[in-house]
N, C-alpha and C. Protein backbone atom coordinates (compact mmCIF):
# COMPACT_ATOMS: atom_id res chain seq x y z
N MET A 1 0.85 -1.17 0.00
CA MET A 1 0.00 0.00 0.00
C MET A 1 0.90 1.24 0.00
N PRO A 2 0.64 2.19 -0.89
CA PRO A 2 1.48 3.39 -0.92
C PRO A 2 1.34 4.20 0.36
N VAL A 3 2.36 4.97 0.65
CA VAL A 3 2.33 5.81 1.84
C VAL A 3 1.18 6.80 1.74
N ILE A 4 1.02 7.42 0.57
CA ILE A 4 -0.09 8.33 0.34
C ILE A 4 -1.03 7.65 -0.63
N LYS A 5 -2.17 7.22 -0.12
CA LYS A 5 -3.12 6.45 -0.94
C LYS A 5 -3.56 7.26 -2.16
N GLY A 6 -3.64 6.57 -3.28
CA GLY A 6 -4.11 7.18 -4.51
C GLY A 6 -3.00 7.60 -5.46
N LEU A 7 -1.74 7.35 -5.10
CA LEU A 7 -0.64 7.75 -5.97
C LEU A 7 -0.12 6.62 -6.85
N GLU A 8 -0.84 5.49 -6.90
CA GLU A 8 -0.38 4.36 -7.69
C GLU A 8 -0.19 4.73 -9.16
N TRP A 9 -0.99 5.66 -9.67
CA TRP A 9 -0.93 6.07 -11.07
C TRP A 9 0.38 6.75 -11.42
N THR A 10 1.12 7.26 -10.43
CA THR A 10 2.32 8.03 -10.72
C THR A 10 3.41 7.20 -11.40
N PHE A 11 3.44 5.89 -11.16
CA PHE A 11 4.44 5.06 -11.83
C PHE A 11 4.33 5.20 -13.34
N ASP A 12 3.14 5.17 -13.85
CA ASP A 12 2.94 5.24 -15.30
C ASP A 12 3.39 6.58 -15.89
N THR A 13 3.42 7.64 -15.10
CA THR A 13 3.79 8.95 -15.64
C THR A 13 5.30 9.08 -15.84
N VAL A 14 6.09 8.24 -15.20
CA VAL A 14 7.55 8.34 -15.33
C VAL A 14 8.19 7.02 -15.77
N ALA A 15 7.39 6.08 -16.19
CA ALA A 15 7.92 4.75 -16.52
C ALA A 15 8.98 4.79 -17.62
N ALA A 16 8.78 5.57 -18.67
CA ALA A 16 9.75 5.62 -19.77
C ALA A 16 11.07 6.22 -19.30
N ALA A 17 11.01 7.29 -18.53
CA ALA A 17 12.25 7.91 -18.02
C ALA A 17 12.94 6.96 -17.04
N TYR A 18 12.17 6.30 -16.20
CA TYR A 18 12.72 5.34 -15.23
C TYR A 18 13.49 4.25 -15.96
N GLU A 19 12.90 3.70 -17.00
CA GLU A 19 13.54 2.64 -17.77
C GLU A 19 14.79 3.14 -18.48
N LYS A 20 14.74 4.34 -19.01
CA LYS A 20 15.86 4.90 -19.77
C LYS A 20 17.08 5.16 -18.89
N TRP A 21 16.89 5.69 -17.71
CA TRP A 21 18.00 6.16 -16.88
C TRP A 21 18.42 5.18 -15.78
N ARG A 22 17.63 4.20 -15.52
CA ARG A 22 17.94 3.26 -14.44
C ARG A 22 19.04 2.30 -14.89
N PRO A 23 20.10 2.16 -14.08
CA PRO A 23 21.15 1.20 -14.46
C PRO A 23 20.65 -0.23 -14.33
N GLY A 24 21.19 -1.11 -15.15
CA GLY A 24 20.83 -2.53 -15.07
C GLY A 24 21.56 -3.22 -13.94
N TYR A 25 21.17 -4.43 -13.69
CA TYR A 25 21.83 -5.24 -12.66
C TYR A 25 22.99 -5.99 -13.30
N PRO A 26 24.11 -6.13 -12.60
CA PRO A 26 25.23 -6.89 -13.15
C PRO A 26 24.93 -8.39 -13.19
N ASP A 27 25.49 -9.07 -14.17
CA ASP A 27 25.29 -10.53 -14.29
C ASP A 27 25.70 -11.26 -13.02
N GLU A 28 26.71 -10.75 -12.32
CA GLU A 28 27.17 -11.39 -11.09
C GLU A 28 26.05 -11.47 -10.05
N LEU A 29 25.17 -10.48 -10.01
CA LEU A 29 24.06 -10.51 -9.06
C LEU A 29 23.17 -11.71 -9.31
N TYR A 30 22.85 -11.97 -10.58
CA TYR A 30 22.00 -13.11 -10.91
C TYR A 30 22.70 -14.42 -10.59
N ARG A 31 23.99 -14.50 -10.89
CA ARG A 31 24.74 -15.72 -10.55
C ARG A 31 24.68 -15.98 -9.05
N MET A 32 24.85 -14.93 -8.25
CA MET A 32 24.79 -15.07 -6.79
C MET A 32 23.40 -15.50 -6.34
N LEU A 33 22.37 -14.86 -6.89
CA LEU A 33 21.00 -15.21 -6.51
C LEU A 33 20.67 -16.66 -6.87
N PHE A 34 21.03 -17.06 -8.08
CA PHE A 34 20.68 -18.40 -8.53
C PHE A 34 21.56 -19.47 -7.87
N THR A 35 22.70 -19.09 -7.33
CA THR A 35 23.51 -20.00 -6.53
C THR A 35 22.87 -20.17 -5.16
N TYR A 36 22.41 -19.04 -4.59
CA TYR A 36 21.76 -19.06 -3.28
C TYR A 36 20.45 -19.84 -3.33
N ARG A 37 19.67 -19.56 -4.37
CA ARG A 37 18.38 -20.23 -4.54
C ARG A 37 18.24 -20.67 -5.99
N PRO A 38 18.73 -21.89 -6.30
CA PRO A 38 18.63 -22.38 -7.68
C PRO A 38 17.17 -22.46 -8.14
N ILE A 39 16.91 -22.04 -9.37
CA ILE A 39 15.59 -22.22 -9.97
C ILE A 39 15.77 -22.83 -11.35
N ASP A 40 14.78 -23.62 -11.74
CA ASP A 40 14.84 -24.34 -13.01
C ASP A 40 13.42 -24.47 -13.56
N PRO A 41 13.23 -25.20 -14.65
CA PRO A 41 11.89 -25.30 -15.24
C PRO A 41 10.81 -25.85 -14.30
N SER A 42 11.18 -26.52 -13.23
CA SER A 42 10.16 -27.02 -12.30
C SER A 42 9.82 -25.99 -11.21
N SER A 43 10.49 -24.84 -11.21
CA SER A 43 10.29 -23.81 -10.19
C SER A 43 9.18 -22.83 -10.59
N GLN A 44 8.61 -22.19 -9.57
CA GLN A 44 7.65 -21.10 -9.75
C GLN A 44 8.20 -19.88 -9.03
N ALA A 45 8.24 -18.73 -9.69
CA ALA A 45 8.76 -17.50 -9.09
C ALA A 45 7.68 -16.43 -9.11
N VAL A 46 7.79 -15.48 -8.18
CA VAL A 46 6.90 -14.34 -8.12
C VAL A 46 7.76 -13.08 -8.11
N GLU A 47 7.43 -12.15 -8.98
CA GLU A 47 8.14 -10.87 -9.01
C GLU A 47 7.12 -9.77 -8.75
N VAL A 48 7.32 -9.04 -7.67
CA VAL A 48 6.40 -7.98 -7.27
C VAL A 48 7.06 -6.63 -7.54
N GLY A 49 6.36 -5.78 -8.26
CA GLY A 49 6.90 -4.47 -8.61
C GLY A 49 7.92 -4.58 -9.73
N ILE A 50 7.51 -5.12 -10.87
CA ILE A 50 8.47 -5.42 -11.95
C ILE A 50 8.98 -4.19 -12.67
N GLY A 51 8.34 -3.04 -12.50
CA GLY A 51 8.82 -1.83 -13.17
C GLY A 51 8.95 -2.07 -14.66
N GLY A 52 10.15 -1.81 -15.19
CA GLY A 52 10.39 -2.02 -16.62
C GLY A 52 10.76 -3.44 -16.98
N GLY A 53 10.84 -4.31 -16.00
CA GLY A 53 11.09 -5.73 -16.26
C GLY A 53 12.56 -6.11 -16.41
N GLN A 54 13.48 -5.29 -15.90
CA GLN A 54 14.90 -5.59 -16.05
C GLN A 54 15.30 -6.93 -15.45
N ALA A 55 14.71 -7.30 -14.35
CA ALA A 55 15.08 -8.56 -13.71
C ALA A 55 14.25 -9.73 -14.22
N THR A 56 13.24 -9.45 -15.00
CA THR A 56 12.32 -10.50 -15.45
C THR A 56 12.98 -11.47 -16.43
N LEU A 57 13.67 -10.96 -17.42
CA LEU A 57 14.26 -11.82 -18.45
C LEU A 57 15.25 -12.83 -17.87
N PRO A 58 16.20 -12.43 -17.03
CA PRO A 58 17.12 -13.43 -16.47
C PRO A 58 16.41 -14.53 -15.69
N VAL A 59 15.32 -14.18 -15.02
CA VAL A 59 14.56 -15.20 -14.29
C VAL A 59 13.87 -16.13 -15.28
N LEU A 60 13.24 -15.56 -16.31
CA LEU A 60 12.56 -16.39 -17.31
C LEU A 60 13.53 -17.30 -18.07
N GLU A 61 14.77 -16.84 -18.26
CA GLU A 61 15.76 -17.65 -18.97
C GLU A 61 16.11 -18.94 -18.23
N THR A 62 15.76 -19.03 -16.96
CA THR A 62 15.97 -20.28 -16.22
C THR A 62 14.94 -21.33 -16.60
N GLY A 63 13.88 -20.89 -17.28
CA GLY A 63 12.82 -21.82 -17.68
C GLY A 63 11.72 -21.96 -16.66
N CYS A 64 11.80 -21.23 -15.55
CA CYS A 64 10.79 -21.37 -14.51
C CYS A 64 9.50 -20.67 -14.91
N GLY A 65 8.44 -20.98 -14.17
CA GLY A 65 7.19 -20.26 -14.32
C GLY A 65 7.29 -18.95 -13.54
N LEU A 66 6.71 -17.88 -14.03
CA LEU A 66 6.83 -16.58 -13.36
C LEU A 66 5.47 -15.88 -13.34
N THR A 67 5.09 -15.42 -12.17
CA THR A 67 3.94 -14.55 -12.00
C THR A 67 4.48 -13.20 -11.60
N ALA A 68 4.11 -12.15 -12.35
CA ALA A 68 4.63 -10.82 -12.08
C ALA A 68 3.47 -9.85 -11.84
N ALA A 69 3.69 -8.89 -10.93
CA ALA A 69 2.66 -7.90 -10.61
C ALA A 69 3.27 -6.51 -10.57
N GLU A 70 2.50 -5.55 -11.05
CA GLU A 70 2.92 -4.14 -11.04
C GLU A 70 1.67 -3.29 -10.89
N CYS A 71 1.77 -2.23 -10.13
CA CYS A 71 0.61 -1.32 -9.95
C CYS A 71 0.26 -0.58 -11.23
N GLY A 72 1.25 -0.24 -12.03
CA GLY A 72 1.01 0.48 -13.28
C GLY A 72 0.59 -0.45 -14.39
N GLU A 73 0.23 0.15 -15.52
CA GLU A 73 -0.19 -0.66 -16.66
C GLU A 73 0.98 -1.40 -17.25
């Protein structure tokens, strides 16, 4: 729940700028995560607050099932 109720729409107003200027995650981060918690085609993952989806593709490349949620469109 947002701190100030009713501001969920604001994500959509800056989504393009957020995606353009936000740095990506280094490959080492994904290696560390997948070493800590291996996932494969038999796994199910949940991603909350996917934003522009930068972390989505590396998770999907493992072959797992993914449910993603975002307040914006």
